[in-house]
C-alpha atoms as a PDB file:
ATOM      1  CA  MET A   1       8.828   3.508  26.240  1.00  0.00           C
ATOM      2  CA  ILE A   2       5.770   6.038  27.743  1.00  0.00           C
ATOM      3  CA  ASN A   3       7.503   8.294  30.390  1.00  0.00           C
ATOM      4  CA  ALA A   4       6.656  11.226  31.644  1.00  0.00           C
ATOM      5  CA  ILE A   5       7.333  13.826  29.108  1.00  0.00           C
ATOM      6  CA  THR A   6       5.399  10.823  26.018  1.00  0.00           C
ATOM      7  CA  LYS A   7       2.602  11.111  28.564  1.00  0.00           C
ATOM      8  CA  LYS A   8       2.815  14.242  28.707  1.00  0.00           C
ATOM      9  CA  ARG A   9       2.938  15.248  25.184  1.00  0.00           C
ATOM     10  CA  GLU A  10       0.010  12.558  23.850  1.00  0.00           C
ATOM     11  CA  ARG A  11      -2.324  15.206  26.359  1.00  0.00           C
ATOM     12  CA  VAL A  12      -0.657  18.481  25.052  1.00  0.00           C
ATOM     13  CA  PHE A  13      -1.594  16.976  21.226  1.00  0.00           C
ATOM     14  CA  PHE A  14      -5.084  15.847  21.268  1.00  0.00           C
ATOM     15  CA  LEU A  15      -5.605  19.174  23.250  1.00  0.00           C
ATOM     16  CA  ALA A  16      -4.635  20.911  21.130  1.00  0.00           C
ATOM     17  CA  ILE A  17      -7.072  18.858  18.111  1.00  0.00           C
ATOM     18  CA  ALA A  18      -9.936  18.973  20.279  1.00  0.00           C
ATOM     19  CA  SER A  19      -9.771  23.201  20.910  1.00  0.00           C
ATOM     20  CA  PHE A  20      -9.676  23.072  17.224  1.00  0.00           C
ATOM     21  CA  PHE A  21     -12.680  20.989  16.702  1.00  0.00           C
ATOM     22  CA  LEU A  22     -14.466  23.737  19.457  1.00  0.00           C
ATOM     23  CA  VAL A  23     -13.138  26.624  17.371  1.00  0.00           C
ATOM     24  CA  ALA A  24     -14.176  25.515  14.063  1.00  0.00           C
ATOM     25  CA  ASN A  25     -17.702  23.835  15.173  1.00  0.00           C
ATOM     26  CA  PHE A  26     -18.306  27.581  17.166  1.00  0.00           C
ATOM     27  CA  VAL A  27     -17.451  30.222  14.718  1.00  0.00           C
ATOM     28  CA  GLY A  28     -18.024  27.557  11.267  1.00  0.00           C
ATOM     29  CA  PHE A  29     -21.732  27.186  13.028  1.00  0.00           C
ATOM     30  CA  GLY A  30     -22.093  30.551  13.954  1.00  0.00           C
ATOM     31  CA  TYR A  31     -21.065  31.937  10.732  1.00  0.00           C
ATOM     32  CA  SER A  32     -23.880  30.187   9.441  1.00  0.00           C
ATOM     33  CA  LEU A  33     -26.579  30.025  11.914  1.00  0.00           C
ATOM     34  CA  ASN A  34     -25.732  33.841  11.463  1.00  0.00           C
ATOM     35  CA  SER A  35     -26.792  34.458   8.015  1.00  0.00           C
ATOM     36  CA  ARG A  36     -29.313  31.446   7.435  1.00  0.00           C
ATOM     37  CA  LEU A  37     -31.130  34.647  10.063  1.00  0.00           C
ATOM     38  CA  GLY A  38     -30.427  37.148   7.868  1.00  0.00           C
ATOM     39  CA  ASN A  39     -31.429  34.896   5.223  1.00  0.00           C
ATOM     40  CA  GLU A  40     -34.711  32.840   6.597  1.00  0.00           C
ATOM     41  CA  GLU A  41     -35.396  35.751  10.095  1.00  0.00           C
ATOM     42  CA  SER A  42     -35.577  31.752  11.884  1.00  0.00           C
ATOM     43  CA  LEU A  43     -35.380  27.984  11.727  1.00  0.00           C
ATOM     44  CA  HIS A  44     -36.778  25.153  12.879  1.00  0.00           C
ATOM     45  CA  PHE A  45     -36.991  23.780  16.455  1.00  0.00           C
ATOM     46  CA  HIS A  46     -35.589  20.399  15.782  1.00  0.00           C
ATOM     47  CA  ILE A  47     -32.568  21.714  14.554  1.00  0.00           C
ATOM     48  CA  TYR A  48     -31.803  24.089  17.504  1.00  0.00           C
ATOM     49  CA  VAL A  49     -32.207  20.739  19.260  1.00  0.00           C
ATOM     50  CA  HIS A  50     -29.157  19.024  17.208  1.00  0.00           C
ATOM     51  CA  GLY A  51     -27.076  21.756  16.806  1.00  0.00           C
ATOM     52  CA  ILE A  52     -27.325  21.814  20.715  1.00  0.00           C
ATOM     53  CA  SER A  53     -27.419  17.752  20.597  1.00  0.00           C
ATOM     54  CA  ALA A  54     -23.462  18.206  18.463  1.00  0.00           C
ATOM     55  CA  ALA A  55     -21.842  21.385  20.467  1.00  0.00           C
ATOM     56  CA  LEU A  56     -22.334  19.489  23.983  1.00  0.00           C
ATOM     57  CA  TRP A  57     -20.506  16.419  22.565  1.00  0.00           C
ATOM     58  CA  ILE A  58     -17.788  19.008  20.998  1.00  0.00           C
ATOM     59  CA  VAL A  59     -17.786  20.455  24.694  1.00  0.00           C
ATOM     60  CA  LEU A  60     -17.453  17.384  26.387  1.00  0.00           C
ATOM     61  CA  TYR A  61     -14.406  15.853  24.262  1.00  0.00           C
ATOM     62  CA  PHE A  62     -12.738  19.544  24.848  1.00  0.00           C
ATOM     63  CA  VAL A  63     -13.783  19.329  28.503  1.00  0.00           C
ATOM     64  CA  GLN A  64     -12.434  15.300  28.837  1.00  0.00           C
ATOM     65  CA  SER A  65      -9.107  16.259  26.917  1.00  0.00           C
ATOM     66  CA  ALA A  66      -7.988  19.230  28.841  1.00  0.00           C
ATOM     67  CA  LEU A  67      -9.005  16.577  31.765  1.00  0.00           C
ATOM     68  CA  ALA A  68      -6.740  14.370  30.811  1.00  0.00           C
ATOM     69  CA  THR A  69      -3.989  16.816  29.743  1.00  0.00           C
ATOM     70  CA  SER A  70      -4.036  18.100  33.620  1.00  0.00           C
ATOM     71  CA  GLY A  71      -4.135  14.314  34.860  1.00  0.00           C
ATOM     72  CA  ASN A  72      -7.655  14.345  36.685  1.00  0.00           C
ATOM     73  CA  ILE A  73      -8.196  11.564  35.049  1.00  0.00           C
ATOM     74  CA  LYS A  74     -11.052   9.732  38.156  1.00  0.00           C
ATOM     75  CA  LEU A  75     -13.170  12.972  37.144  1.00  0.00           C
ATOM     76  CA  HIS A  76     -12.607  12.719  33.415  1.00  0.00           C
ATOM     77  CA  THR A  77     -13.940   9.019  34.060  1.00  0.00           C
ATOM     78  CA  ILE A  78     -16.987  10.477  35.598  1.00  0.00           C
ATOM     79  CA  ILE A  79     -17.962  12.600  33.559  1.00  0.00           C
ATOM     80  CA  GLY A  80     -17.036  10.181  30.459  1.00  0.00           C
ATOM     81  CA  LYS A  81     -20.139   8.171  31.403  1.00  0.00           C
ATOM     82  CA  ALA A  82     -22.298  10.965  30.170  1.00  0.00           C
ATOM     83  CA  GLY A  83     -20.900  10.174  26.810  1.00  0.00           C
ATOM     84  CA  SER A  84     -23.176   7.508  25.712  1.00  0.00           C
ATOM     85  CA  VAL A  85     -25.371   9.511  26.821  1.00  0.00           C
ATOM     86  CA  VAL A  86     -25.105  12.602  24.672  1.00  0.00           C
ATOM     87  CA  ILE A  87     -23.767  10.901  21.517  1.00  0.00           C
ATOM     88  CA  LEU A  88     -27.289   8.832  21.967  1.00  0.00           C
ATOM     89  CA  LEU A  89     -28.288  12.251  21.109  1.00  0.00           C
ATOM     90  CA  VAL A  90     -26.790  13.663  18.636  1.00  0.00           C
ATOM     91  CA  LEU A  91     -27.742  10.247  17.138  1.00  0.00           C
ATOM     92  CA  LEU A  92     -31.519  10.365  17.072  1.00  0.00           C
ATOM     93  CA  THR A  93     -31.817  14.117  17.201  1.00  0.00           C
ATOM     94  CA  GLY A  94     -29.085  13.669  13.830  1.00  0.00           C
ATOM     95  CA  PHE A  95     -31.894  11.309  12.196  1.00  0.00           C
ATOM     96  CA  TYR A  96     -35.002  13.167  12.774  1.00  0.00           C
ATOM     97  CA  VAL A  97     -33.189  16.815  11.218  1.00  0.00           C
ATOM     98  CA  ALA A  98     -31.747  15.325   7.822  1.00  0.00           C
ATOM     99  CA  PHE A  99     -34.540  13.395   7.158  1.00  0.00           C
ATOM    100  CA  MET A 100     -37.054  16.238   7.892  1.00  0.00           C
ATOM    101  CA  VAL A 101     -35.050  19.374   5.669  1.00  0.00           C
ATOM    102  CA  PRO A 102     -36.862  17.375   2.801  1.00  0.00           C
ATOM    103  CA  VAL A 103     -40.343  18.081   4.038  1.00  0.00           C
ATOM    104  CA  ILE A 104     -40.141  21.558   5.947  1.00  0.00           C
ATOM    105  CA  TYR A 105     -38.774  23.379   2.299  1.00  0.00           C
ATOM    106  CA  ASN A 106     -40.475  20.852  -0.255  1.00  0.00           C
ATOM    107  CA  VAL A 107     -38.407  19.251  -2.084  1.00  0.00           C
ATOM    108  CA  ASP A 108     -38.990  16.972  -4.372  1.00  0.00           C
ATOM    109  CA  ALA A 109     -37.763  13.043  -4.817  1.00  0.00           C
ATOM    110  CA  PRO A 110     -34.689  11.834  -5.068  1.00  0.00           C
ATOM    111  CA  TYR A 111     -33.611  13.284  -1.463  1.00  0.00           C
ATOM    112  CA  SER A 112     -29.843  12.114  -1.151  1.00  0.00           C
ATOM    113  CA  GLN A 113     -28.679  15.183   1.256  1.00  0.00           C
ATOM    114  CA  PRO A 114     -30.453  13.419   4.270  1.00  0.00           C
ATOM    115  CA  GLY A 115     -29.221  10.166   3.463  1.00  0.00           C
ATOM    116  CA  ARG A 116     -25.532  11.344   3.255  1.00  0.00           C
ATOM    117  CA  ASP A 117     -26.078  14.190   6.168  1.00  0.00           C
ATOM    118  CA  PHE A 118     -26.862  11.453   8.893  1.00  0.00           C
ATOM    119  CA  SER A 119     -24.993   8.624   7.351  1.00  0.00           C
ATOM    120  CA  ALA A 120     -22.431  10.520   8.491  1.00  0.00           C
ATOM    121  CA  ILE A 121     -23.870  11.301  12.262  1.00  0.00           C
ATOM    122  CA  LEU A 122     -24.011   7.442  11.925  1.00  0.00           C
ATOM    123  CA  LEU A 123     -20.862   6.807  11.320  1.00  0.00           C
ATOM    124  CA  ALA A 124     -19.369   9.292  14.269  1.00  0.00           C
ATOM    125  CA  VAL A 125     -22.342   7.631  16.413  1.00  0.00           C
ATOM    126  CA  VAL A 126     -21.118   3.440  16.018  1.00  0.00           C
ATOM    127  CA  ILE A 127     -16.867   4.684  15.440  1.00  0.00           C
ATOM    128  CA  ALA A 128     -18.183   7.135  18.906  1.00  0.00           C
ATOM    129  CA  PHE A 129     -19.590   4.177  20.411  1.00  0.00           C
ATOM    130  CA  ILE A 130     -16.818   1.650  19.653  1.00  0.00           C
ATOM    131  CA  GLY A 131     -14.174   4.445  21.494  1.00  0.00           C
ATOM    132  CA  LEU A 132     -16.641   4.440  24.772  1.00  0.00           C
ATOM    133  CA  ARG A 133     -16.832   0.341  24.887  1.00  0.00           C
ATOM    134  CA  LYS A 134     -12.323   0.688  24.598  1.00  0.00           C
ATOM    135  CA  ARG A 135     -11.856   2.996  27.428  1.00  0.00           C
ATOM    136  CA  LYS A 136      -9.467   0.557  29.358  1.00  0.00           C
ATOM    137  CA  MET A 137      -7.600   0.617  26.484  1.00  0.00           C
ATOM    138  CA  PRO A 138      -6.089   4.286  26.716  1.00  0.00           C
ATOM    139  CA  PHE A 139      -4.455   4.897  23.008  1.00  0.00           C
ATOM    140  CA  ILE A 140      -6.737   3.069  21.162  1.00  0.00           C
ATOM    141  CA  HIS A 141      -9.953   5.192  23.139  1.00  0.00           C
ATOM    142  CA  LYS A 142      -7.751   8.120  22.298  1.00  0.00           C
ATOM    143  CA  ARG A 143      -7.384   8.008  18.993  1.00  0.00           C
ATOM    144  CA  LEU A 144     -11.002   6.611  17.926  1.00  0.00           C
ATOM    145  CA  MET A 145     -12.548   9.330  19.989  1.00  0.00           C
ATOM    146  CA  MET A 146     -11.035  11.760  18.213  1.00  0.00           C
ATOM    147  CA  THR A 147     -12.205   9.937  14.682  1.00  0.00           C
ATOM    148  CA  SER A 148     -15.536  10.405  15.736  1.00  0.00           C
ATOM    149  CA  THR A 149     -15.526  13.848  17.251  1.00  0.00           C
ATOM    150  CA  LEU A 150     -13.865  14.614  13.331  1.00  0.00           C
ATOM    151  CA  ILE A 151     -15.856  13.236  11.658  1.00  0.00           C
ATOM    152  CA  LEU A 152     -18.638  14.986  13.036  1.00  0.00           C
ATOM    153  CA  SER A 153     -16.929  18.186  12.615  1.00  0.00           C
ATOM    154  CA  SER A 154     -17.252  17.965   9.163  1.00  0.00           C
ATOM    155  CA  ALA A 155     -19.776  19.952   8.418  1.00  0.00           C
ATOM    156  CA  GLY A 156     -18.960  22.235  10.705  1.00  0.00           C
ATOM    157  CA  ILE A 157     -14.899  22.137   9.557  1.00  0.00           C
ATOM    158  CA  ALA A 158     -16.816  22.453   6.391  1.00  0.00           C
ATOM    159  CA  ARG A 159     -18.563  25.637   7.537  1.00  0.00           C
ATOM    160  CA  PHE A 160     -15.181  27.040   9.217  1.00  0.00           C
ATOM    161  CA  ILE A 161     -13.707  27.338   5.827  1.00  0.00           C
ATOM    162  CA  ASN A 162     -16.304  29.339   4.429  1.00  0.00           C
ATOM    163  CA  ALA A 163     -16.651  32.084   7.982  1.00  0.00           C
ATOM    164  CA  LEU A 164     -12.133  31.961   6.912  1.00  0.00           C
ATOM    165  CA  GLY A 165     -13.245  34.109   3.600  1.00  0.00           C
ATOM    166  CA  LEU A 166     -11.955  30.234   1.535  1.00  0.00           C
ATOM    167  CA  SER A 167     -15.172  29.362   0.160  1.00  0.00           C
ATOM    168  CA  GLY A 168     -13.614  29.217  -3.131  1.00  0.00           C
ATOM    169  CA  LEU A 169     -11.555  26.200  -1.928  1.00  0.00           C
ATOM    170  CA  ASP A 170     -12.208  23.780  -3.763  1.00  0.00           C
ATOM    171  CA  ALA A 171     -13.571  20.332  -2.324  1.00  0.00           C
ATOM    172  CA  SER A 172      -9.441  19.136  -2.483  1.00  0.00           C
ATOM    173  CA  GLY A 173      -9.158  21.788   0.412  1.00  0.00           C
ATOM    174  CA  VAL A 174     -11.612  20.714   1.929  1.00  0.00           C
ATOM    175  CA  ILE A 175     -10.878  17.030   2.279  1.00  0.00           C
ATOM    176  CA  SER A 176      -7.333  18.106   3.157  1.00  0.00           C
ATOM    177  CA  MET A 177      -8.692  19.622   6.207  1.00  0.00           C
ATOM    178  CA  LEU A 178     -10.663  16.332   7.384  1.00  0.00           C
ATOM    179  CA  PHE A 179      -7.457  14.244   7.217  1.00  0.00           C
ATOM    180  CA  LEU A 180      -4.547  16.988   8.259  1.00  0.00           C
ATOM    181  CA  PRO A 181      -5.722  15.630  12.101  1.00  0.00           C
ATOM    182  CA  ILE A 182      -5.149  12.112  11.701  1.00  0.00           C
ATOM    183  CA  ILE A 183      -1.915  12.992   9.589  1.00  0.00           C
ATOM    184  CA  LEU A 184      -0.636  15.050  12.169  1.00  0.00           C
ATOM    185  CA  LEU A 185      -1.462  12.578  14.868  1.00  0.00           C
ATOM    186  CA  ILE A 186       0.636  10.015  12.688  1.00  0.00           C
ATOM    187  CA  ILE A 187       3.614  12.032  12.396  1.00  0.00           C
ATOM    188  CA  HIS A 188       3.098  12.856  16.437  1.00  0.00           C
ATOM    189  CA  ASP A 189       2.744   9.345  16.757  1.00  0.00           C
ATOM    190  CA  TYR A 190       5.874   8.251  14.675  1.00  0.00           C
ATOM    191  CA  ILE A 191       8.181  10.721  16.875  1.00  0.00           C
ATOM    192  CA  THR A 192       7.255   9.935  19.590  1.00  0.00           C
ATOM    193  CA  TYR A 193       6.670   6.281  19.577  1.00  0.00           C
ATOM    194  CA  LYS A 194       8.705   5.651  16.561  1.00  0.00           C
ATOM    195  CA  LYS A 195       6.472   3.482  14.611  1.00  0.00           C
ATOM    196  CA  PHE A 196       3.193   3.033  13.048  1.00  0.00           C
ATOM    197  CA  PHE A 197       0.115   2.459  14.310  1.00  0.00           C
ATOM    198  CA  LYS A 198      -2.903   0.498  12.775  1.00  0.00           C
ATOM    199  CA  VAL A 199      -5.336   1.866  14.334  1.00  0.00           C
ATOM    200  CA  ASN A 200      -4.086   5.399  13.085  1.00  0.00           C
ATOM    201  CA  PHE A 201      -5.072   3.757   9.578  1.00  0.00           C
ATOM    202  CA  VAL A 202      -8.214   2.876  10.669  1.00  0.00           C
ATOM    203  CA  SER A 203      -9.033   6.092  10.976  1.00  0.00           C
ATOM    204  CA  ILE A 204      -7.759   6.639   7.234  1.00  0.00           C
ATOM    205  CA  ALA A 205     -10.196   4.010   6.009  1.00  0.00           C
ATOM    206  CA  LEU A 206     -12.925   5.499   8.069  1.00  0.00           C
ATOM    207  CA  VAL A 207     -12.464   8.905   6.685  1.00  0.00           C
ATOM    208  CA  PHE A 208     -12.731   8.103   3.464  1.00  0.00           C
ATOM    209  CA  LEU A 209     -15.924   6.209   4.424  1.00  0.00           C
ATOM    210  CA  LEU A 210     -17.331   9.378   5.137  1.00  0.00           C
ATOM    211  CA  PHE A 211     -16.041  11.100   1.149  1.00  0.00           C
ATOM    212  CA  ILE A 212     -17.846   8.294   0.030  1.00  0.00           C
ATOM    213  CA  LEU A 213     -20.885   8.060   1.861  1.00  0.00           C
ATOM    214  CA  SER A 214     -21.094  11.971   1.293  1.00  0.00           C
ATOM    215  CA  ALA A 215     -21.620  11.597  -2.789  1.00  0.00           C
ATOM    216  CA  PRO A 216     -25.246  11.388  -4.288  1.00  0.00           C
ATOM    217  CA  PRO A 217     -24.851   8.594  -6.515  1.00  0.00           C
ATOM    218  CA  PHE A 218     -23.967   6.554  -3.485  1.00  0.00           C
ATOM    219  CA  TRP A 219     -27.997   7.398  -2.418  1.00  0.00           C
ATOM    220  CA  ASP A 220     -29.763   8.158  -5.462  1.00  0.00           C
ATOM    221  CA  ASN A 221     -29.531   4.741  -7.285  1.00  0.00           C
ATOM    222  CA  PRO A 222     -32.700   2.229  -7.489  1.00  0.00           C
ATOM    223  CA  VAL A 223     -31.496   0.199  -3.858  1.00  0.00           C
ATOM    224  CA  PHE A 224     -31.349   2.911  -1.398  1.00  0.00           C
ATOM    225  CA  GLY A 225     -33.602   5.797  -3.059  1.00  0.00           C
ATOM    226  CA  PRO A 226     -36.482   4.299  -2.599  1.00  0.00           C
ATOM    227  CA  ILE A 227     -35.427   3.993   1.171  1.00  0.00           C
ATOM    228  CA  LEU A 228     -35.151   7.088   1.638  1.00  0.00           C
ATOM    229  CA  GLU A 229     -38.314   8.255   0.931  1.00  0.00           C
ATOM    230  CA  LYS A 230     -40.282   5.958   2.653  1.00  0.00           C
ATOM    231  CA  ILE A 231     -38.605   7.939   5.430  1.00  0.00           C
ATOM    232  CA  VAL A 232     -39.285  11.134   3.960  1.00  0.00           C
ATOM    233  CA  GLY A 233     -42.792  10.494   3.567  1.00  0.00           C
ATOM    234  CA  TRP A 234     -43.249   8.627   6.890  1.00  0.00           C
ATOM    235  CA  LEU A 235     -41.837  11.552   8.773  1.00  0.00           C
ATOM    236  CA  SER A 236     -44.165  14.059   6.373  1.00  0.00           C
END
């Protein structure tokens, strides 16, 4: 039964997750940006454009969660219409940034990093668009939007771990940090509704897919390797 207490508990949970994404991304990328500026003195313009686009999405997710928590659903719905535009900007700028890195830094083939970086962004964008389409089904909508933002935040969370001085943490530690929000969601849902939901296990599968797409062997092969080289060559 969904009563006032249940609704409040759920809204507070998603606001807490949104707050974590906001802090992790801004602290993580702020730390990374300062380090890179110290080494490179300046960064290319397209990196800032993509950074601003991604930051807009993280802020938008936080604002939407805060509006839902306060019960301002009308304004939440109005602002939500900007979500499609923002996430599309994230996709376009993410593509350009991912494939321009080998061009700018004169990296030789084979190219696996552009595929790894862009596939994570593409996965997050696809989930976000599905989540936006499901906005009339709030239960599914909220969980898909959280999963999309989690995947988009994966790089920021990894940098956040470094900013905390935990750079020695192995890959399993980083993986655990990415699965933690969904595990907490499953626990929350079970405590609140006394059942498990398929959408949460779909989210776990999507995070697993993120790690598969982030593995160099997935891209450094005779199938995808030439495609990545062609795109990098085209941008060159």
